[in-house]
């Protein structure tokens, strides 16, 4: 990843080229639930109710909406099994798994930040 440009080396075009993709990522991952859903699925395939139980505070309606959005953006795969009753399972796609490093870095920063703030 490119390092952040120091002030004396500031180039508006280079700044914009760094900001735009970050803004795009934040716009999509924005909100309270997408990252927790991705984290939940990173531990293995899940059925809807398993995720609803695991992700505390999410409503069924919101989980359904977010799963549809994640599926449309190719981060989550929905598999319907031809059983009685019908079984539906969700899993991360390879593209969804590409967020593992980002989420791991966010977690590491969050742990450090929490320790720093809690000391005060």
N, C-alpha and C. Protein backbone atom coordinates (compact mmCIF):
# COMPACT_ATOMS: atom_id res chain seq x y z
N UNK A 1 0.84 -1.18 0.00
CA UNK A 1 0.00 0.00 0.00
C UNK A 1 0.88 1.24 0.00
N UNK A 2 0.46 2.25 -0.71
CA UNK A 2 1.21 3.50 -0.76
C UNK A 2 1.17 4.17 0.60
N UNK A 3 2.26 4.79 0.95
CA UNK A 3 2.29 5.49 2.22
C UNK A 3 1.65 6.85 2.06
N UNK A 4 1.21 7.41 3.17
CA UNK A 4 0.59 8.72 3.15
C UNK A 4 1.66 9.74 2.80
N UNK A 5 1.32 10.67 1.93
CA UNK A 5 2.26 11.68 1.45
C UNK A 5 2.43 12.76 2.52
N UNK A 6 3.69 13.14 2.76
CA UNK A 6 3.97 14.22 3.73
C UNK A 6 3.55 15.55 3.13
N UNK A 7 3.25 16.54 3.98
CA UNK A 7 2.75 17.84 3.52
C UNK A 7 3.65 18.49 2.48
N UNK A 8 4.95 18.47 2.69
CA UNK A 8 5.83 19.15 1.77
C UNK A 8 5.87 18.47 0.40
N UNK A 9 5.38 17.23 0.30
CA UNK A 9 5.36 16.52 -0.97
C UNK A 9 3.94 16.48 -1.55
N UNK A 10 3.05 17.27 -1.02
CA UNK A 10 1.64 17.21 -1.41
C UNK A 10 1.44 17.51 -2.89
N UNK A 11 0.71 16.61 -3.52
CA UNK A 11 0.33 16.75 -4.91
C UNK A 11 -1.17 16.49 -4.97
N UNK A 12 -1.98 17.49 -5.33
CA UNK A 12 -3.43 17.32 -5.32
C UNK A 12 -3.93 16.09 -6.09
N UNK A 13 -3.32 15.80 -7.23
CA UNK A 13 -3.75 14.63 -8.01
C UNK A 13 -3.44 13.34 -7.26
N UNK A 14 -2.29 13.29 -6.65
CA UNK A 14 -1.90 12.09 -5.90
C UNK A 14 -2.80 11.93 -4.67
N UNK A 15 -3.11 13.03 -4.03
CA UNK A 15 -4.01 13.01 -2.87
C UNK A 15 -5.39 12.48 -3.29
N UNK A 16 -5.92 13.01 -4.37
CA UNK A 16 -7.23 12.57 -4.86
C UNK A 16 -7.20 11.10 -5.24
N UNK A 17 -6.10 10.64 -5.83
CA UNK A 17 -6.00 9.24 -6.24
C UNK A 17 -5.94 8.30 -5.03
N UNK A 18 -5.52 8.80 -3.88
CA UNK A 18 -5.54 8.00 -2.65
C UNK A 18 -6.91 8.08 -1.98
N UNK A 19 -7.52 9.25 -2.02
CA UNK A 19 -8.80 9.45 -1.33
C UNK A 19 -9.97 8.72 -1.98
N UNK A 20 -10.03 8.75 -3.30
CA UNK A 20 -11.19 8.19 -4.00
C UNK A 20 -11.43 6.71 -3.70
N UNK A 21 -10.43 5.83 -3.83
CA UNK A 21 -10.71 4.42 -3.54
C UNK A 21 -11.02 4.17 -2.06
N UNK A 22 -10.42 4.93 -1.17
CA UNK A 22 -10.73 4.79 0.26
C UNK A 22 -12.16 5.21 0.52
N UNK A 23 -12.57 6.31 -0.09
CA UNK A 23 -13.96 6.78 0.04
C UNK A 23 -14.95 5.74 -0.47
N UNK A 24 -14.62 5.12 -1.62
CA UNK A 24 -15.47 4.08 -2.19
C UNK A 24 -15.63 2.91 -1.21
N UNK A 25 -14.51 2.48 -0.65
CA UNK A 25 -14.54 1.36 0.30
C UNK A 25 -15.36 1.72 1.54
N UNK A 26 -15.13 2.90 2.08
CA UNK A 26 -15.87 3.33 3.26
C UNK A 26 -17.35 3.50 2.97
N UNK A 27 -17.69 4.01 1.80
CA UNK A 27 -19.11 4.16 1.43
C UNK A 27 -19.81 2.82 1.42
N UNK A 28 -19.15 1.79 0.88
CA UNK A 28 -19.79 0.48 0.84
C UNK A 28 -19.83 -0.19 2.21
N UNK A 29 -18.72 -0.15 2.93
CA UNK A 29 -18.65 -0.86 4.22
C UNK A 29 -19.24 -0.05 5.36
N UNK A 30 -19.70 1.15 5.06
CA UNK A 30 -20.29 2.03 6.06
C UNK A 30 -21.46 1.35 6.76
N UNK A 31 -21.66 1.73 8.00
CA UNK A 31 -22.79 1.20 8.74
C UNK A 31 -22.32 0.28 9.85
N UNK A 32 -23.28 -0.17 10.56
CA UNK A 32 -23.03 -0.92 11.78
C UNK A 32 -22.87 -2.42 11.54
N UNK A 33 -23.36 -2.95 10.40
CA UNK A 33 -23.55 -4.40 10.31
C UNK A 33 -22.71 -5.14 9.28
N UNK A 34 -22.25 -4.50 8.22
CA UNK A 34 -21.56 -5.25 7.16
C UNK A 34 -20.29 -5.93 7.67
N UNK A 35 -19.47 -5.22 8.36
CA UNK A 35 -18.22 -5.81 8.84
C UNK A 35 -18.49 -6.92 9.86
N UNK A 36 -19.40 -6.75 10.83
CA UNK A 36 -19.70 -7.87 11.72
C UNK A 36 -20.22 -9.12 10.98
N UNK A 37 -21.01 -8.93 9.92
CA UNK A 37 -21.49 -10.07 9.13
C UNK A 37 -20.30 -10.75 8.45
N UNK A 38 -19.42 -9.97 7.86
CA UNK A 38 -18.24 -10.53 7.20
C UNK A 38 -17.37 -11.27 8.20
N UNK A 39 -17.18 -10.70 9.38
CA UNK A 39 -16.39 -11.37 10.42
C UNK A 39 -17.05 -12.68 10.82
N UNK A 40 -18.35 -12.67 11.02
CA UNK A 40 -19.08 -13.89 11.38
C UNK A 40 -18.86 -14.98 10.34
N UNK A 41 -18.98 -14.62 9.07
CA UNK A 41 -18.82 -15.61 8.00
C UNK A 41 -17.36 -16.03 7.79
N UNK A 42 -16.42 -15.22 8.28
CA UNK A 42 -15.01 -15.60 8.16
C UNK A 42 -14.69 -16.81 9.04
N UNK A 43 -15.58 -17.12 9.99
CA UNK A 43 -15.41 -18.29 10.85
C UNK A 43 -16.12 -19.51 10.28
N UNK A 44 -16.66 -19.40 9.08
CA UNK A 44 -17.29 -20.54 8.43
C UNK A 44 -18.69 -20.22 7.94
N UNK A 45 -19.20 -21.12 7.13
CA UNK A 45 -20.54 -20.96 6.57
C UNK A 45 -21.58 -20.94 7.69
N UNK A 46 -22.63 -20.13 7.49
CA UNK A 46 -23.65 -19.99 8.53
C UNK A 46 -25.03 -19.97 7.92
N UNK A 47 -25.98 -20.42 8.70
CA UNK A 47 -27.38 -20.24 8.34
C UNK A 47 -27.82 -18.89 8.92
N UNK A 48 -28.95 -18.40 8.42
CA UNK A 48 -29.44 -17.09 8.80
C UNK A 48 -29.56 -16.94 10.32
N UNK A 49 -30.24 -17.87 10.96
CA UNK A 49 -30.48 -17.76 12.41
C UNK A 49 -29.19 -17.84 13.22
N UNK A 50 -28.21 -18.59 12.71
CA UNK A 50 -26.91 -18.65 13.40
C UNK A 50 -26.29 -17.25 13.45
N UNK A 51 -26.33 -16.57 12.31
CA UNK A 51 -25.77 -15.21 12.27
C UNK A 51 -26.60 -14.25 13.13
N UNK A 52 -27.91 -14.37 13.06
CA UNK A 52 -28.79 -13.48 13.83
C UNK A 52 -28.50 -13.61 15.32
N UNK A 53 -28.19 -14.83 15.75
CA UNK A 53 -27.87 -15.06 17.17
C UNK A 53 -26.47 -14.56 17.50
N UNK A 54 -25.54 -14.81 16.60
CA UNK A 54 -24.14 -14.47 16.83
C UNK A 54 -23.88 -12.96 16.82
N UNK A 55 -24.59 -12.24 15.95
CA UNK A 55 -24.37 -10.79 15.82
C UNK A 55 -25.42 -10.09 16.68
N UNK A 56 -25.06 -9.83 17.90
CA UNK A 56 -26.00 -9.27 18.87
C UNK A 56 -26.51 -7.90 18.44
N UNK A 57 -27.83 -7.73 18.54
CA UNK A 57 -28.44 -6.43 18.27
C UNK A 57 -28.98 -6.27 16.86
N UNK A 58 -28.62 -7.15 15.94
CA UNK A 58 -29.11 -7.01 14.57
C UNK A 58 -30.51 -7.62 14.47
N UNK A 59 -31.39 -6.94 13.76
CA UNK A 59 -32.74 -7.48 13.55
C UNK A 59 -32.72 -8.40 12.32
N UNK A 60 -33.70 -9.27 12.24
CA UNK A 60 -33.80 -10.16 11.08
C UNK A 60 -33.93 -9.36 9.79
N UNK A 61 -34.72 -8.29 9.85
CA UNK A 61 -34.93 -7.45 8.66
C UNK A 61 -33.61 -6.83 8.20
N UNK A 62 -32.83 -6.31 9.13
CA UNK A 62 -31.55 -5.68 8.79
C UNK A 62 -30.54 -6.71 8.30
N UNK A 63 -30.50 -7.88 8.94
CA UNK A 63 -29.59 -8.93 8.50
C UNK A 63 -29.92 -9.35 7.07
N UNK A 64 -31.20 -9.51 6.78
CA UNK A 64 -31.64 -9.88 5.45
C UNK A 64 -31.22 -8.83 4.42
N UNK A 65 -31.44 -7.56 4.75
CA UNK A 65 -31.07 -6.46 3.84
C UNK A 65 -29.56 -6.44 3.59
N UNK A 66 -28.79 -6.55 4.65
CA UNK A 66 -27.33 -6.47 4.52
C UNK A 66 -26.78 -7.69 3.75
N UNK A 67 -27.35 -8.87 3.99
CA UNK A 67 -26.90 -10.06 3.27
C UNK A 67 -27.18 -9.91 1.77
N UNK A 68 -28.34 -9.36 1.42
CA UNK A 68 -28.66 -9.13 0.01
C UNK A 68 -27.64 -8.17 -0.62
N UNK A 69 -27.33 -7.10 0.11
CA UNK A 69 -26.37 -6.11 -0.37
C UNK A 69 -24.98 -6.74 -0.54
N UNK A 70 -24.56 -7.52 0.43
CA UNK A 70 -23.26 -8.17 0.35
C UNK A 70 -23.22 -9.19 -0.79
N UNK A 71 -24.34 -9.85 -1.01
CA UNK A 71 -24.43 -10.82 -2.12
C UNK A 71 -24.37 -10.09 -3.46
N UNK A 72 -25.09 -8.99 -3.60
CA UNK A 72 -25.07 -8.20 -4.85
C UNK A 72 -23.67 -7.69 -5.17
N UNK A 73 -22.90 -7.42 -4.14
CA UNK A 73 -21.54 -6.92 -4.32
C UNK A 73 -20.49 -8.02 -4.30
N UNK A 74 -20.96 -9.26 -4.43
CA UNK A 74 -20.10 -10.44 -4.60
C UNK A 74 -19.19 -10.76 -3.42
N UNK A 75 -19.56 -10.31 -2.23
CA UNK A 75 -18.77 -10.61 -1.04
C UNK A 75 -19.29 -11.85 -0.32
N UNK A 76 -20.58 -12.12 -0.49
CA UNK A 76 -21.23 -13.25 0.18
C UNK A 76 -21.95 -14.09 -0.86
N UNK A 77 -21.92 -15.40 -0.66
CA UNK A 77 -22.64 -16.32 -1.52
C UNK A 77 -23.77 -16.96 -0.72
N UNK A 78 -24.94 -17.01 -1.32
CA UNK A 78 -26.12 -17.64 -0.73
C UNK A 78 -26.36 -18.95 -1.46
N UNK A 79 -26.36 -20.05 -0.71
CA UNK A 79 -26.57 -21.37 -1.30
C UNK A 79 -27.87 -21.94 -0.76
N UNK A 80 -28.76 -22.33 -1.68
CA UNK A 80 -30.03 -22.93 -1.31
C UNK A 80 -29.94 -24.42 -1.61
N UNK A 81 -30.15 -25.25 -0.57
CA UNK A 81 -30.09 -26.70 -0.73
C UNK A 81 -31.49 -27.24 -0.97
N UNK A 82 -31.58 -28.21 -1.86
CA UNK A 82 -32.86 -28.82 -2.22
C UNK A 82 -33.20 -29.90 -1.19
N UNK A 83 -33.61 -29.45 -0.03
CA UNK A 83 -33.99 -30.36 1.06
C UNK A 83 -35.36 -29.97 1.56
N UNK A 84 -35.94 -30.82 2.40
CA UNK A 84 -37.22 -30.50 3.03
C UNK A 84 -36.97 -30.50 4.53
N UNK A 85 -37.12 -29.39 5.22
CA UNK A 85 -37.37 -28.05 4.67
C UNK A 85 -36.12 -27.53 3.94
N UNK A 86 -36.32 -26.49 3.16
CA UNK A 86 -35.22 -25.90 2.39
C UNK A 86 -34.17 -25.36 3.35
N UNK A 87 -32.93 -25.63 3.04
CA UNK A 87 -31.81 -25.14 3.85
C UNK A 87 -31.08 -24.07 3.05
N UNK A 88 -30.85 -22.92 3.67
CA UNK A 88 -30.11 -21.82 3.04
C UNK A 88 -28.88 -21.55 3.89
N UNK A 89 -27.75 -21.44 3.22
CA UNK A 89 -26.48 -21.21 3.92
C UNK A 89 -25.74 -20.06 3.25
N UNK A 90 -25.05 -19.28 4.05
CA UNK A 90 -24.28 -18.14 3.56
C UNK A 90 -22.80 -18.41 3.78
N UNK A 91 -22.00 -17.95 2.84
CA UNK A 91 -20.55 -18.10 2.95
C UNK A 91 -19.87 -16.89 2.32
N UNK A 92 -18.64 -16.67 2.73
CA UNK A 92 -17.85 -15.60 2.11
C UNK A 92 -17.32 -16.09 0.77
N UNK A 93 -17.32 -15.24 -0.21
CA UNK A 93 -16.67 -15.55 -1.48
C UNK A 93 -15.18 -15.29 -1.32
N UNK A 94 -14.40 -15.67 -2.31
CA UNK A 94 -12.97 -15.34 -2.28
C UNK A 94 -12.79 -13.83 -2.22
N UNK A 95 -13.66 -13.12 -2.94
CA UNK A 95 -13.60 -11.66 -2.92
C UNK A 95 -13.91 -11.13 -1.52
N UNK A 96 -14.89 -11.71 -0.85
CA UNK A 96 -15.21 -11.32 0.52
C UNK A 96 -14.05 -11.59 1.46
N UNK A 97 -13.37 -12.72 1.23
CA UNK A 97 -12.21 -13.07 2.06
C UNK A 97 -11.04 -12.12 1.85
N UNK A 98 -11.06 -11.38 0.74
CA UNK A 98 -9.98 -10.42 0.49
C UNK A 98 -9.99 -9.29 1.52
N UNK A 99 -11.06 -9.17 2.29
CA UNK A 99 -11.14 -8.15 3.35
C UNK A 99 -10.49 -8.61 4.65
N UNK A 100 -10.06 -9.86 4.73
CA UNK A 100 -9.46 -10.39 5.96
C UNK A 100 -8.33 -9.51 6.49
N UNK A 101 -7.43 -9.11 5.60
CA UNK A 101 -6.27 -8.31 6.02
C UNK A 101 -6.73 -6.93 6.53
N UNK A 102 -7.68 -6.34 5.84
CA UNK A 102 -8.20 -5.02 6.23
C UNK A 102 -8.84 -5.11 7.62
N UNK A 103 -9.67 -6.13 7.82
CA UNK A 103 -10.37 -6.30 9.10
C UNK A 103 -9.38 -6.61 10.21
N UNK A 104 -8.37 -7.40 9.90
CA UNK A 104 -7.34 -7.72 10.89
C UNK A 104 -6.59 -6.45 11.32
N UNK A 105 -6.27 -5.59 10.37
CA UNK A 105 -5.59 -4.33 10.68
C UNK A 105 -6.50 -3.40 11.48
N UNK A 106 -7.78 -3.34 11.12
CA UNK A 106 -8.74 -2.53 11.88
C UNK A 106 -8.83 -3.02 13.32
N UNK A 107 -8.86 -4.34 13.49
CA UNK A 107 -8.93 -4.93 14.83
C UNK A 107 -7.69 -4.56 15.64
N UNK A 108 -6.51 -4.72 15.03
CA UNK A 108 -5.25 -4.41 15.73
C UNK A 108 -5.22 -2.94 16.14
N UNK A 109 -5.61 -2.06 15.23
CA UNK A 109 -5.65 -0.63 15.56
C UNK A 109 -6.66 -0.38 16.67
N UNK A 110 -7.82 -1.01 16.59
CA UNK A 110 -8.86 -0.84 17.60
C UNK A 110 -8.40 -1.29 18.99
N UNK A 111 -7.66 -2.38 19.05
CA UNK A 111 -7.13 -2.86 20.33
C UNK A 111 -6.16 -1.83 20.91
N UNK A 112 -5.25 -1.35 20.07
CA UNK A 112 -4.28 -0.34 20.53
C UNK A 112 -4.99 0.95 20.96
N UNK A 113 -5.94 1.38 20.16
CA UNK A 113 -6.66 2.62 20.47
C UNK A 113 -7.42 2.48 21.79
N UNK A 114 -8.07 1.35 21.97
CA UNK A 114 -8.83 1.10 23.19
C UNK A 114 -7.93 1.15 24.43
N UNK A 115 -6.75 0.51 24.34
CA UNK A 115 -5.80 0.53 25.45
C UNK A 115 -5.34 1.95 25.75
N UNK A 116 -5.05 2.70 24.70
CA UNK A 116 -4.58 4.08 24.85
C UNK A 116 -5.63 4.95 25.53
N UNK A 117 -6.88 4.85 25.07
CA UNK A 117 -7.96 5.68 25.59
C UNK A 117 -8.33 5.26 27.01
N UNK A 118 -8.33 3.97 27.26
CA UNK A 118 -8.72 3.47 28.59
C UNK A 118 -7.72 3.86 29.67
N UNK A 119 -6.47 4.13 29.30
CA UNK A 119 -5.44 4.53 30.27
C UNK A 119 -5.73 5.91 30.85
N UNK A 120 -6.42 6.75 30.08
CA UNK A 120 -6.65 8.15 30.51
C UNK A 120 -7.75 8.23 31.53
